Amino acid sequence: MTIINRLACLTVVAMLPSVASAQSVNFWLAALPGNIQGCIALDPQFTREHTFTLKDGQAELTSPGGVNTKLKMAKPNVYETDYQLGGRHFHVVADLSVTPRTLTVTEKNLGCKWTAKKE
């Protein structure tokens, strides 16, 4: 193996950690216009920026409003979880398989819904 080939191999190996590094997508959720009063009370937790992070195959959603949850892959590039906050049950879906990417939060009992698209 020549010196040039060895340097090329070292360059590729040095780049591997950056390939496996975290992928973050920021979403700004907004309530759907038809949300009922009970849903509007939850707006402070959801109508703000949320960060979806994918690192080493592990997905997580965080926000300053108190959302901090792990998501599981439902299908390629689609992650979801069920989440509890303030006695309410939410279903969260981050869909990175579509353009633009989307984040949806749905409250199971009241039918509340917040959505975001990443441009």
C-alpha atoms as a PDB file:
ATOM      1  CA  MET A   1       0.000   0.000   0.000  1.00  0.00           C
ATOM      2  CA  THR A   2       1.450   3.363  -0.976  1.00  0.00           C
ATOM      3  CA  ILE A   3       1.622   6.402   1.269  1.00  0.00           C
ATOM      4  CA  ILE A   4      -1.137   8.092  -0.736  1.00  0.00           C
ATOM      5  CA  ASN A   5      -3.434   5.081  -0.262  1.00  0.00           C
ATOM      6  CA  ARG A   6      -2.683   5.034   3.474  1.00  0.00           C
ATOM      7  CA  LEU A   7      -3.441   8.738   3.759  1.00  0.00           C
ATOM      8  CA  ALA A   8      -6.704   8.237   1.895  1.00  0.00           C
ATOM      9  CA  CYS A   9      -7.681   5.427   4.281  1.00  0.00           C
ATOM     10  CA  LEU A  10      -6.803   7.556   7.322  1.00  0.00           C
ATOM     11  CA  THR A  11      -8.896  10.411   5.936  1.00  0.00           C
ATOM     12  CA  VAL A  12     -11.900   8.119   5.519  1.00  0.00           C
ATOM     13  CA  VAL A  13     -11.459   6.718   9.051  1.00  0.00           C
ATOM     14  CA  ALA A  14     -11.164  10.244  10.468  1.00  0.00           C
ATOM     15  CA  MET A  15     -14.438  11.199   8.784  1.00  0.00           C
ATOM     16  CA  LEU A  16     -16.414   8.227  10.166  1.00  0.00           C
ATOM     17  CA  PRO A  17     -17.284   9.823  13.531  1.00  0.00           C
ATOM     18  CA  SER A  18     -18.732  12.842  11.736  1.00  0.00           C
ATOM     19  CA  VAL A  19     -20.938  10.571   9.626  1.00  0.00           C
ATOM     20  CA  ALA A  20     -22.309   8.985  12.823  1.00  0.00           C
ATOM     21  CA  SER A  21     -22.810  12.341  14.538  1.00  0.00           C
ATOM     22  CA  ALA A  22     -26.168  13.691  15.577  1.00  0.00           C
ATOM     23  CA  GLN A  23     -28.730  14.963  13.106  1.00  0.00           C
ATOM     24  CA  SER A  24     -30.959  17.686  14.565  1.00  0.00           C
ATOM     25  CA  VAL A  25     -34.097  19.191  13.092  1.00  0.00           C
ATOM     26  CA  ASN A  26     -35.869  22.153  14.710  1.00  0.00           C
ATOM     27  CA  PHE A  27     -39.638  22.466  14.411  1.00  0.00           C
ATOM     28  CA  TRP A  28     -41.917  25.279  15.586  1.00  0.00           C
ATOM     29  CA  LEU A  29     -45.257  23.695  16.459  1.00  0.00           C
ATOM     30  CA  ALA A  30     -48.535  25.539  15.929  1.00  0.00           C
ATOM     31  CA  ALA A  31     -52.007  24.546  17.126  1.00  0.00           C
ATOM     32  CA  LEU A  32     -54.638  23.678  14.565  1.00  0.00           C
ATOM     33  CA  PRO A  33     -57.375  26.351  14.366  1.00  0.00           C
ATOM     34  CA  GLY A  34     -60.122  23.928  15.424  1.00  0.00           C
ATOM     35  CA  ASN A  35     -58.574  22.996  18.782  1.00  0.00           C
ATOM     36  CA  ILE A  36     -61.062  23.264  21.656  1.00  0.00           C
ATOM     37  CA  GLN A  37     -60.538  25.333  24.830  1.00  0.00           C
ATOM     38  CA  GLY A  38     -58.935  22.410  26.704  1.00  0.00           C
ATOM     39  CA  CYS A  39     -56.336  22.196  23.957  1.00  0.00           C
ATOM     40  CA  ILE A  40     -55.592  25.906  24.018  1.00  0.00           C
ATOM     41  CA  ALA A  41     -54.608  25.542  27.690  1.00  0.00           C
ATOM     42  CA  LEU A  42     -51.800  23.223  26.529  1.00  0.00           C
ATOM     43  CA  ASP A  43     -50.427  25.696  23.970  1.00  0.00           C
ATOM     44  CA  PRO A  44     -47.603  26.983  26.216  1.00  0.00           C
ATOM     45  CA  GLN A  45     -45.995  23.528  26.149  1.00  0.00           C
ATOM     46  CA  PHE A  46     -46.393  22.979  22.415  1.00  0.00           C
ATOM     47  CA  THR A  47     -46.476  26.290  20.491  1.00  0.00           C
ATOM     48  CA  ARG A  48     -42.732  26.709  20.656  1.00  0.00           C
ATOM     49  CA  GLU A  49     -39.602  25.303  19.117  1.00  0.00           C
ATOM     50  CA  HIS A  50     -38.980  21.571  19.463  1.00  0.00           C
ATOM     51  CA  THR A  51     -35.716  19.857  18.598  1.00  0.00           C
ATOM     52  CA  PHE A  52     -35.730  16.384  17.092  1.00  0.00           C
ATOM     53  CA  THR A  53     -32.326  14.711  17.416  1.00  0.00           C
ATOM     54  CA  LEU A  54     -31.221  11.455  15.847  1.00  0.00           C
ATOM     55  CA  LYS A  55     -27.897  10.119  17.097  1.00  0.00           C
ATOM     56  CA  ASP A  56     -26.567   6.589  16.728  1.00  0.00           C
ATOM     57  CA  GLY A  57     -30.039   5.330  15.787  1.00  0.00           C
ATOM     58  CA  GLN A  58     -31.669   6.860  18.892  1.00  0.00           C
ATOM     59  CA  ALA A  59     -34.332   9.562  18.399  1.00  0.00           C
ATOM     60  CA  GLU A  60     -35.295  12.195  20.952  1.00  0.00           C
ATOM     61  CA  LEU A  61     -37.599  15.202  21.062  1.00  0.00           C
ATOM     62  CA  THR A  62     -36.950  18.092  23.452  1.00  0.00           C
ATOM     63  CA  SER A  63     -38.355  21.564  24.043  1.00  0.00           C
ATOM     64  CA  PRO A  64     -38.153  24.334  26.629  1.00  0.00           C
ATOM     65  CA  GLY A  65     -41.849  23.663  27.385  1.00  0.00           C
ATOM     66  CA  GLY A  66     -41.044  20.427  29.201  1.00  0.00           C
ATOM     67  CA  VAL A  67     -41.227  17.913  26.379  1.00  0.00           C
ATOM     68  CA  ASN A  68     -38.340  15.458  26.655  1.00  0.00           C
ATOM     69  CA  THR A  69     -39.061  12.046  25.197  1.00  0.00           C
ATOM     70  CA  LYS A  70     -37.475   9.240  23.217  1.00  0.00           C
ATOM     71  CA  LEU A  71     -39.047   8.128  19.936  1.00  0.00           C
ATOM     72  CA  LYS A  72     -38.877   4.747  18.213  1.00  0.00           C
ATOM     73  CA  MET A  73     -38.639   4.125  14.496  1.00  0.00           C
ATOM     74  CA  ALA A  74     -42.086   3.177  13.166  1.00  0.00           C
ATOM     75  CA  LYS A  75     -40.826   2.816   9.595  1.00  0.00           C
ATOM     76  CA  PRO A  76     -37.781   4.188   7.767  1.00  0.00           C
ATOM     77  CA  ASN A  77     -37.314   7.868   8.688  1.00  0.00           C
ATOM     78  CA  VAL A  78     -40.576   7.988  10.676  1.00  0.00           C
ATOM     79  CA  TYR A  79     -40.325   8.117  14.466  1.00  0.00           C
ATOM     80  CA  GLU A  80     -43.127   8.070  17.013  1.00  0.00           C
ATOM     81  CA  THR A  81     -43.947   7.772  20.685  1.00  0.00           C
ATOM     82  CA  ASP A  82     -46.767   8.087  23.157  1.00  0.00           C
ATOM     83  CA  TYR A  83     -46.068  10.732  25.755  1.00  0.00           C
ATOM     84  CA  GLN A  84     -47.750  11.933  28.968  1.00  0.00           C
ATOM     85  CA  LEU A  85     -47.725  15.531  30.152  1.00  0.00           C
ATOM     86  CA  GLY A  86     -49.959  17.063  32.810  1.00  0.00           C
ATOM     87  CA  GLY A  87     -52.280  14.056  32.918  1.00  0.00           C
ATOM     88  CA  ARG A  88     -52.838  14.127  29.158  1.00  0.00           C
ATOM     89  CA  HIS A  89     -51.769  11.455  26.664  1.00  0.00           C
ATOM     90  CA  PHE A  90     -50.112  12.521  23.424  1.00  0.00           C
ATOM     91  CA  HIS A  91     -49.027  10.748  20.274  1.00  0.00           C
ATOM     92  CA  VAL A  92     -45.934  12.274  18.647  1.00  0.00           C
ATOM     93  CA  VAL A  93     -44.818  11.574  15.068  1.00  0.00           C
ATOM     94  CA  ALA A  94     -41.680  12.970  13.443  1.00  0.00           C
ATOM     95  CA  ASP A  95     -41.711  12.198   9.717  1.00  0.00           C
ATOM     96  CA  LEU A  96     -38.340  12.784   8.101  1.00  0.00           C
ATOM     97  CA  SER A  97     -39.275  10.730   5.032  1.00  0.00           C
ATOM     98  CA  VAL A  98     -41.296  13.567   3.456  1.00  0.00           C
ATOM     99  CA  THR A  99     -40.334  16.996   2.162  1.00  0.00           C
ATOM    100  CA  PRO A 100     -40.795  19.187   4.043  1.00  0.00           C
ATOM    101  CA  ARG A 101     -40.186  17.158   7.218  1.00  0.00           C
ATOM    102  CA  THR A 102     -43.090  17.181   9.667  1.00  0.00           C
ATOM    103  CA  LEU A 103     -43.747  16.919  13.376  1.00  0.00           C
ATOM    104  CA  THR A 104     -47.248  16.199  14.679  1.00  0.00           C
ATOM    105  CA  VAL A 105     -48.495  16.034  18.279  1.00  0.00           C
ATOM    106  CA  THR A 106     -52.017  14.732  18.898  1.00  0.00           C
ATOM    107  CA  GLU A 107     -53.805  14.563  22.265  1.00  0.00           C
ATOM    108  CA  LYS A 108     -55.673  11.270  22.347  1.00  0.00           C
ATOM    109  CA  ASN A 109     -58.812  12.153  24.364  1.00  0.00           C
ATOM    110  CA  LEU A 110     -59.647  15.737  23.356  1.00  0.00           C
ATOM    111  CA  GLY A 111     -58.448  15.472  19.758  1.00  0.00           C
ATOM    112  CA  CYS A 112     -56.031  18.388  20.117  1.00  0.00           C
ATOM    113  CA  LYS A 113     -53.397  18.669  17.412  1.00  0.00           C
ATOM    114  CA  TRP A 114     -50.230  20.685  16.829  1.00  0.00           C
ATOM    115  CA  THR A 115     -48.196  20.459  13.647  1.00  0.00           C
ATOM    116  CA  ALA A 116     -44.974  21.810  12.207  1.00  0.00           C
ATOM    117  CA  LYS A 117     -43.149  21.616   8.911  1.00  0.00           C
ATOM    118  CA  LYS A 118     -39.425  22.053   8.480  1.00  0.00           C
ATOM    119  CA  GLU A 119     -38.867  24.130   5.328  1.00  0.00           C
END
